[in-house]
């Protein structure tokens, strides 16, 4: 009887999502392991190079991703809600259907990025800044607290 209860508890524990640590992420990158649909919520990943990595559907909400490089990365459907993305490079990345709402994207560049149906922080960001960054590679500058932009920050067709 005890073994059945232990098996049941173990299988229930296996269902509980566990966020990866910084060390586990670095190890996965070094070994070329997949990070698709990984749970990285709330993790300090600042300064890591994710160039060319497939991060589709990865949960990055509330994470510190400042100074990271995502050049050529696939972030389709990724959740970066409320993440610190300050000074990240998203050049040539795929951000289709990604959620960056409430994220700090101050200083980010998006040169050549795909942004179909991407959700950007709309209270402090003019869409023209994203469009300019995609074309010219200029860093995005967020409005300061209390200021707002007149344009809607939802993109895509």
C-alpha atoms as a PDB file:
ATOM      1  CA  UNK A   1       0.000   0.000   0.000  1.00  0.00           C
ATOM      2  CA  UNK A   2       2.804   2.355   0.846  1.00  0.00           C
ATOM      3  CA  UNK A   3       4.386   1.939  -2.591  1.00  0.00           C
ATOM      4  CA  UNK A   4       1.111   2.877  -4.341  1.00  0.00           C
ATOM      5  CA  UNK A   5       0.848   6.066  -2.303  1.00  0.00           C
ATOM      6  CA  UNK A   6       4.487   6.902  -3.026  1.00  0.00           C
ATOM      7  CA  UNK A   7       3.997   6.237  -6.755  1.00  0.00           C
ATOM      8  CA  UNK A   8       0.888   8.435  -6.793  1.00  0.00           C
ATOM      9  CA  UNK A   9       2.701  11.270  -4.979  1.00  0.00           C
ATOM     10  CA  UNK A  10       5.693  11.013  -7.296  1.00  0.00           C
ATOM     11  CA  UNK A  11       3.507  11.191 -10.416  1.00  0.00           C
ATOM     12  CA  UNK A  12       1.669  14.230  -8.981  1.00  0.00           C
ATOM     13  CA  UNK A  13       5.012  15.924  -8.266  1.00  0.00           C
ATOM     14  CA  UNK A  14       6.127  15.250 -11.841  1.00  0.00           C
ATOM     15  CA  UNK A  15       3.165  17.288 -13.080  1.00  0.00           C
ATOM     16  CA  UNK A  16       4.137  20.379 -11.089  1.00  0.00           C
ATOM     17  CA  UNK A  17       6.031  22.863 -13.273  1.00  0.00           C
ATOM     18  CA  UNK A  18       9.542  23.689 -12.143  1.00  0.00           C
ATOM     19  CA  UNK A  19      11.433  26.719 -13.348  1.00  0.00           C
ATOM     20  CA  UNK A  20      14.967  26.093 -14.574  1.00  0.00           C
ATOM     21  CA  UNK A  21      17.863  27.777 -12.786  1.00  0.00           C
ATOM     22  CA  UNK A  22      20.467  29.981 -14.483  1.00  0.00           C
ATOM     23  CA  UNK A  23      22.982  27.134 -14.193  1.00  0.00           C
ATOM     24  CA  UNK A  24      20.568  24.673 -15.843  1.00  0.00           C
ATOM     25  CA  UNK A  25      19.908  27.116 -18.703  1.00  0.00           C
ATOM     26  CA  UNK A  26      23.627  27.671 -19.305  1.00  0.00           C
ATOM     27  CA  UNK A  27      24.186  23.917 -19.259  1.00  0.00           C
ATOM     28  CA  UNK A  28      21.332  23.330 -21.736  1.00  0.00           C
ATOM     29  CA  UNK A  29      22.765  25.993 -24.064  1.00  0.00           C
ATOM     30  CA  UNK A  30      26.258  24.517 -23.831  1.00  0.00           C
ATOM     31  CA  UNK A  31      24.965  21.024 -24.617  1.00  0.00           C
ATOM     32  CA  UNK A  32      22.643  22.237 -27.398  1.00  0.00           C
ATOM     33  CA  UNK A  33      19.531  20.985 -25.579  1.00  0.00           C
ATOM     34  CA  UNK A  34      16.113  22.314 -26.472  1.00  0.00           C
ATOM     35  CA  UNK A  35      14.591  25.201 -24.541  1.00  0.00           C
ATOM     36  CA  UNK A  36      11.299  25.080 -26.453  1.00  0.00           C
ATOM     37  CA  UNK A  37       8.399  25.525 -24.003  1.00  0.00           C
ATOM     38  CA  UNK A  38      10.841  25.740 -21.074  1.00  0.00           C
ATOM     39  CA  UNK A  39       9.729  27.343 -17.819  1.00  0.00           C
ATOM     40  CA  UNK A  40      12.225  30.100 -16.985  1.00  0.00           C
ATOM     41  CA  UNK A  41       9.839  32.367 -15.080  1.00  0.00           C
ATOM     42  CA  UNK A  42      11.434  34.618 -12.489  1.00  0.00           C
ATOM     43  CA  UNK A  43      14.986  33.526 -13.322  1.00  0.00           C
ATOM     44  CA  UNK A  44      17.990  35.868 -13.499  1.00  0.00           C
ATOM     45  CA  UNK A  45      19.362  35.225 -16.987  1.00  0.00           C
ATOM     46  CA  UNK A  46      20.970  38.626 -17.514  1.00  0.00           C
ATOM     47  CA  UNK A  47      23.792  38.816 -20.023  1.00  0.00           C
ATOM     48  CA  UNK A  48      23.266  35.372 -21.602  1.00  0.00           C
ATOM     49  CA  UNK A  49      23.717  34.913 -25.345  1.00  0.00           C
ATOM     50  CA  UNK A  50      20.634  33.215 -26.845  1.00  0.00           C
ATOM     51  CA  UNK A  51      21.627  33.940 -30.483  1.00  0.00           C
ATOM     52  CA  UNK A  52      19.944  31.489 -32.858  1.00  0.00           C
ATOM     53  CA  UNK A  53      18.304  29.514 -30.031  1.00  0.00           C
ATOM     54  CA  UNK A  54      14.759  28.162 -30.433  1.00  0.00           C
ATOM     55  CA  UNK A  55      12.824  29.556 -27.461  1.00  0.00           C
ATOM     56  CA  UNK A  56       9.344  29.082 -28.945  1.00  0.00           C
ATOM     57  CA  UNK A  57       6.617  29.128 -26.286  1.00  0.00           C
ATOM     58  CA  UNK A  58       9.170  29.574 -23.504  1.00  0.00           C
ATOM     59  CA  UNK A  59       7.887  31.128 -20.290  1.00  0.00           C
ATOM     60  CA  UNK A  60      10.171  34.066 -19.434  1.00  0.00           C
ATOM     61  CA  UNK A  61       7.698  36.173 -17.448  1.00  0.00           C
ATOM     62  CA  UNK A  62       9.148  38.164 -14.531  1.00  0.00           C
ATOM     63  CA  UNK A  63      12.707  37.167 -15.544  1.00  0.00           C
ATOM     64  CA  UNK A  64      15.765  39.422 -15.640  1.00  0.00           C
ATOM     65  CA  UNK A  65      16.951  39.210 -19.238  1.00  0.00           C
ATOM     66  CA  UNK A  66      18.772  42.543 -19.305  1.00  0.00           C
ATOM     67  CA  UNK A  67      21.775  42.723 -21.647  1.00  0.00           C
ATOM     68  CA  UNK A  68      20.832  39.410 -23.336  1.00  0.00           C
ATOM     69  CA  UNK A  69      21.288  38.807 -27.040  1.00  0.00           C
ATOM     70  CA  UNK A  70      18.497  37.062 -28.964  1.00  0.00           C
ATOM     71  CA  UNK A  71      19.873  37.709 -32.477  1.00  0.00           C
ATOM     72  CA  UNK A  72      18.201  35.291 -34.884  1.00  0.00           C
ATOM     73  CA  UNK A  73      16.384  33.514 -32.027  1.00  0.00           C
ATOM     74  CA  UNK A  74      12.886  32.063 -32.354  1.00  0.00           C
ATOM     75  CA  UNK A  75      10.695  33.548 -29.611  1.00  0.00           C
ATOM     76  CA  UNK A  76       7.359  32.707 -31.256  1.00  0.00           C
ATOM     77  CA  UNK A  77       4.638  32.567 -28.632  1.00  0.00           C
ATOM     78  CA  UNK A  78       7.101  33.244 -25.812  1.00  0.00           C
ATOM     79  CA  UNK A  79       5.782  34.935 -22.682  1.00  0.00           C
ATOM     80  CA  UNK A  80       8.028  37.769 -21.551  1.00  0.00           C
ATOM     81  CA  UNK A  81       5.330  39.548 -19.568  1.00  0.00           C
ATOM     82  CA  UNK A  82       6.809  41.899 -16.959  1.00  0.00           C
ATOM     83  CA  UNK A  83      10.381  40.788 -17.821  1.00  0.00           C
ATOM     84  CA  UNK A  84      13.384  43.100 -17.631  1.00  0.00           C
ATOM     85  CA  UNK A  85      14.592  43.184 -21.238  1.00  0.00           C
ATOM     86  CA  UNK A  86      16.622  46.381 -20.932  1.00  0.00           C
ATOM     87  CA  UNK A  87      19.289  46.707 -23.650  1.00  0.00           C
ATOM     88  CA  UNK A  88      18.536  43.348 -25.317  1.00  0.00           C
ATOM     89  CA  UNK A  89      19.218  42.691 -29.003  1.00  0.00           C
ATOM     90  CA  UNK A  90      16.300  41.065 -30.853  1.00  0.00           C
ATOM     91  CA  UNK A  91      17.760  41.693 -34.314  1.00  0.00           C
ATOM     92  CA  UNK A  92      16.486  39.214 -36.946  1.00  0.00           C
ATOM     93  CA  UNK A  93      14.566  37.327 -34.248  1.00  0.00           C
ATOM     94  CA  UNK A  94      11.073  35.877 -34.639  1.00  0.00           C
ATOM     95  CA  UNK A  95       8.699  37.365 -32.082  1.00  0.00           C
ATOM     96  CA  UNK A  96       5.401  36.331 -33.704  1.00  0.00           C
ATOM     97  CA  UNK A  97       2.640  36.061 -31.077  1.00  0.00           C
ATOM     98  CA  UNK A  98       5.096  36.837 -28.230  1.00  0.00           C
ATOM     99  CA  UNK A  99       3.837  38.696 -25.148  1.00  0.00           C
ATOM    100  CA  UNK A 100       6.069  41.572 -24.011  1.00  0.00           C
ATOM    101  CA  UNK A 101       3.312  43.432 -22.162  1.00  0.00           C
ATOM    102  CA  UNK A 102       4.540  45.244 -19.048  1.00  0.00           C
ATOM    103  CA  UNK A 103       8.147  44.375 -20.021  1.00  0.00           C
ATOM    104  CA  UNK A 104      10.983  46.888 -19.835  1.00  0.00           C
ATOM    105  CA  UNK A 105      12.217  47.077 -23.449  1.00  0.00           C
ATOM    106  CA  UNK A 106      14.156  50.312 -22.974  1.00  0.00           C
ATOM    107  CA  UNK A 107      17.275  50.243 -25.142  1.00  0.00           C
ATOM    108  CA  UNK A 108      16.268  47.105 -27.093  1.00  0.00           C
ATOM    109  CA  UNK A 109      16.923  46.782 -30.803  1.00  0.00           C
ATOM    110  CA  UNK A 110      14.692  44.885 -33.237  1.00  0.00           C
ATOM    111  CA  UNK A 111      16.457  45.302 -36.612  1.00  0.00           C
ATOM    112  CA  UNK A 112      14.868  42.913 -39.132  1.00  0.00           C
ATOM    113  CA  UNK A 113      12.739  41.190 -36.466  1.00  0.00           C
ATOM    114  CA  UNK A 114       9.383  39.554 -37.257  1.00  0.00           C
ATOM    115  CA  UNK A 115       6.645  40.843 -34.968  1.00  0.00           C
ATOM    116  CA  UNK A 116       3.341  39.458 -36.257  1.00  0.00           C
ATOM    117  CA  UNK A 117       0.711  39.815 -33.502  1.00  0.00           C
ATOM    118  CA  UNK A 118       3.380  40.633 -30.902  1.00  0.00           C
ATOM    119  CA  UNK A 119       2.101  42.358 -27.767  1.00  0.00           C
ATOM    120  CA  UNK A 120       4.292  45.302 -26.741  1.00  0.00           C
ATOM    121  CA  UNK A 121       4.038  47.488 -23.586  1.00  0.00           C
ATOM    122  CA  UNK A 122       1.384  49.887 -24.845  1.00  0.00           C
ATOM    123  CA  UNK A 123       1.249  52.470 -22.074  1.00  0.00           C
ATOM    124  CA  UNK A 124       4.770  53.817 -22.590  1.00  0.00           C
ATOM    125  CA  UNK A 125       5.667  52.939 -26.175  1.00  0.00           C
ATOM    126  CA  UNK A 126       4.939  54.439 -29.575  1.00  0.00           C
ATOM    127  CA  UNK A 127       4.635  51.859 -32.344  1.00  0.00           C
ATOM    128  CA  UNK A 128       6.685  54.120 -34.588  1.00  0.00           C
ATOM    129  CA  UNK A 129       9.682  53.419 -32.317  1.00  0.00           C
ATOM    130  CA  UNK A 130       9.368  49.669 -32.898  1.00  0.00           C
ATOM    131  CA  UNK A 131       8.965  50.181 -36.633  1.00  0.00           C
ATOM    132  CA  UNK A 132      12.036  52.450 -36.704  1.00  0.00           C
ATOM    133  CA  UNK A 133      14.044  49.903 -34.726  1.00  0.00           C
ATOM    134  CA  UNK A 134      13.057  47.120 -37.145  1.00  0.00           C
ATOM    135  CA  UNK A 135      14.151  49.156 -40.167  1.00  0.00           C
ATOM    136  CA  UNK A 136      17.126  51.128 -38.832  1.00  0.00           C
ATOM    137  CA  UNK A 137      18.166  49.177 -35.741  1.00  0.00           C
ATOM    138  CA  UNK A 138      17.766  52.174 -33.433  1.00  0.00           C
ATOM    139  CA  UNK A 139      17.249  51.357 -29.738  1.00  0.00           C
ATOM    140  CA  UNK A 140      13.736  51.738 -28.338  1.00  0.00           C
ATOM    141  CA  UNK A 141      13.284  54.486 -25.754  1.00  0.00           C
ATOM    142  CA  UNK A 142      10.375  54.072 -23.355  1.00  0.00           C
ATOM    143  CA  UNK A 143       8.423  57.059 -22.099  1.00  0.00           C
ATOM    144  CA  UNK A 144       9.101  57.911 -18.478  1.00  0.00           C
ATOM    145  CA  UNK A 145       6.549  57.157 -15.783  1.00  0.00           C
ATOM    146  CA  UNK A 146       3.598  59.540 -16.045  1.00  0.00           C
ATOM    147  CA  UNK A 147       4.181  60.142 -19.768  1.00  0.00           C
ATOM    148  CA  UNK A 148       2.258  58.257 -22.396  1.00  0.00           C
ATOM    149  CA  UNK A 149       2.397  57.770 -26.116  1.00  0.00           C
ATOM    150  CA  UNK A 150      -0.552  58.495 -28.350  1.00  0.00           C
ATOM    151  CA  UNK A 151      -0.234  55.422 -30.568  1.00  0.00           C
ATOM    152  CA  UNK A 152      -1.534  51.961 -29.782  1.00  0.00           C
ATOM    153  CA  UNK A 153       1.237  49.424 -29.186  1.00  0.00           C
ATOM    154  CA  UNK A 154      -0.457  46.343 -30.593  1.00  0.00           C
ATOM    155  CA  UNK A 155       1.046  45.137 -33.854  1.00  0.00           C
ATOM    156  CA  UNK A 156       0.289  42.781 -36.644  1.00  0.00           C
ATOM    157  CA  UNK A 157      -2.218  41.682 -39.188  1.00  0.00           C
END
